[in-house]
């Protein structure tokens, strides 16, 4: 079973770091990124 993850943070470098870290986990899949929660979720 794979857990889908949406990365949301205003700092691209932080998102890239988390993406690299999560890529090592076999049970997690980053399915998207956003600089803001608005637009992806309700604000």
N, C-alpha and C. Protein backbone atom coordinates (compact mmCIF):
# COMPACT_ATOMS: atom_id res chain seq x y z
N UNK A 1 0.84 -1.18 0.00
CA UNK A 1 0.00 0.00 0.00
C UNK A 1 0.89 1.24 0.00
N UNK A 2 0.56 2.20 -0.86
CA UNK A 2 1.32 3.44 -0.96
C UNK A 2 0.49 4.59 -0.41
N UNK A 3 1.12 5.43 0.38
CA UNK A 3 0.48 6.62 0.94
C UNK A 3 0.84 7.81 0.07
N UNK A 4 -0.17 8.52 -0.41
CA UNK A 4 0.04 9.70 -1.25
C UNK A 4 0.26 10.93 -0.37
N UNK A 5 1.24 11.75 -0.76
CA UNK A 5 1.61 12.93 0.03
C UNK A 5 1.57 14.16 -0.88
N UNK A 6 0.98 15.23 -0.39
CA UNK A 6 0.98 16.53 -1.07
C UNK A 6 1.86 17.47 -0.25
N UNK A 7 2.95 17.95 -0.84
CA UNK A 7 3.85 18.87 -0.16
C UNK A 7 3.38 20.30 -0.36
N UNK A 8 3.20 21.03 0.74
CA UNK A 8 2.76 22.42 0.66
C UNK A 8 3.65 23.26 1.58
N UNK A 9 4.41 24.16 0.98
CA UNK A 9 5.24 25.10 1.73
C UNK A 9 5.62 26.22 0.78
N UNK A 10 5.78 27.43 1.30
CA UNK A 10 6.09 28.55 0.43
C UNK A 10 7.56 28.59 0.01
N UNK A 11 8.40 27.76 0.60
CA UNK A 11 9.82 27.74 0.26
C UNK A 11 10.13 26.52 -0.62
N UNK A 12 10.51 26.79 -1.85
CA UNK A 12 10.79 25.72 -2.81
C UNK A 12 11.93 24.81 -2.34
N UNK A 13 12.94 25.39 -1.70
CA UNK A 13 14.07 24.59 -1.24
C UNK A 13 13.64 23.58 -0.18
N UNK A 14 12.76 23.99 0.70
CA UNK A 14 12.24 23.10 1.73
C UNK A 14 11.42 21.97 1.10
N UNK A 15 10.57 22.32 0.12
CA UNK A 15 9.79 21.30 -0.58
C UNK A 15 10.70 20.30 -1.28
N UNK A 16 11.77 20.78 -1.90
CA UNK A 16 12.72 19.90 -2.58
C UNK A 16 13.40 18.96 -1.60
N UNK A 17 13.74 19.48 -0.43
CA UNK A 17 14.37 18.64 0.59
C UNK A 17 13.43 17.55 1.09
N UNK A 18 12.18 17.93 1.34
CA UNK A 18 11.21 16.93 1.78
C UNK A 18 10.95 15.90 0.68
N UNK A 19 10.88 16.37 -0.58
CA UNK A 19 10.66 15.44 -1.69
C UNK A 19 11.79 14.42 -1.75
N UNK A 20 13.05 14.87 -1.61
CA UNK A 20 14.20 13.96 -1.64
C UNK A 20 14.15 12.99 -0.46
N UNK A 21 13.79 13.48 0.69
CA UNK A 21 13.70 12.62 1.88
C UNK A 21 12.59 11.57 1.72
N UNK A 22 11.43 12.01 1.25
CA UNK A 22 10.30 11.10 1.09
C UNK A 22 10.50 10.11 -0.05
N UNK A 23 11.33 10.45 -1.03
CA UNK A 23 11.60 9.55 -2.14
C UNK A 23 12.28 8.27 -1.68
N UNK A 24 12.93 8.32 -0.54
CA UNK A 24 13.62 7.15 0.01
C UNK A 24 12.66 6.15 0.65
N UNK A 25 11.47 6.62 1.00
CA UNK A 25 10.48 5.76 1.65
C UNK A 25 9.70 4.99 0.59
N UNK A 26 9.69 3.69 0.68
CA UNK A 26 9.02 2.86 -0.30
C UNK A 26 7.50 2.93 -0.22
N UNK A 27 6.96 3.32 0.92
CA UNK A 27 5.51 3.34 1.10
C UNK A 27 4.89 4.72 0.90
N UNK A 28 5.72 5.73 0.56
CA UNK A 28 5.21 7.09 0.36
C UNK A 28 5.45 7.53 -1.08
N UNK A 29 4.48 8.26 -1.63
CA UNK A 29 4.62 8.81 -2.98
C UNK A 29 4.17 10.26 -2.97
N UNK A 30 5.08 11.16 -3.35
CA UNK A 30 4.73 12.57 -3.45
C UNK A 30 3.93 12.73 -4.75
N UNK A 31 2.68 13.13 -4.62
CA UNK A 31 1.80 13.25 -5.78
C UNK A 31 1.65 14.68 -6.28
N UNK A 32 2.17 15.64 -5.51
CA UNK A 32 2.08 17.02 -5.94
C UNK A 32 2.76 17.96 -4.97
N UNK A 33 2.95 19.19 -5.44
CA UNK A 33 3.55 20.24 -4.63
C UNK A 33 2.77 21.53 -4.85
N UNK A 34 2.77 22.37 -3.85
CA UNK A 34 2.14 23.68 -3.96
C UNK A 34 2.88 24.66 -3.05
N UNK A 35 2.95 25.91 -3.47
CA UNK A 35 3.59 26.95 -2.68
C UNK A 35 2.64 27.50 -1.62
N UNK A 36 1.35 27.24 -1.79
CA UNK A 36 0.33 27.74 -0.87
C UNK A 36 -0.79 26.71 -0.78
N UNK A 37 -1.44 26.66 0.35
CA UNK A 37 -2.57 25.75 0.51
C UNK A 37 -3.79 26.23 -0.24
N UNK A 38 -3.87 27.50 -0.53
CA UNK A 38 -5.01 28.04 -1.27
C UNK A 38 -4.99 27.51 -2.70
N UNK A 39 -6.11 27.03 -3.14
CA UNK A 39 -6.19 26.47 -4.47
C UNK A 39 -6.16 24.95 -4.45
N UNK A 40 -5.43 24.37 -3.54
CA UNK A 40 -5.38 22.91 -3.38
C UNK A 40 -6.37 22.47 -2.32
N UNK A 41 -6.53 23.31 -1.30
CA UNK A 41 -7.48 23.03 -0.22
C UNK A 41 -8.28 24.31 0.02
N UNK A 42 -9.28 24.23 0.84
CA UNK A 42 -10.03 25.45 1.14
C UNK A 42 -9.22 26.34 2.08
N UNK A 43 -9.29 27.65 1.89
CA UNK A 43 -8.53 28.60 2.72
C UNK A 43 -9.37 29.12 3.85
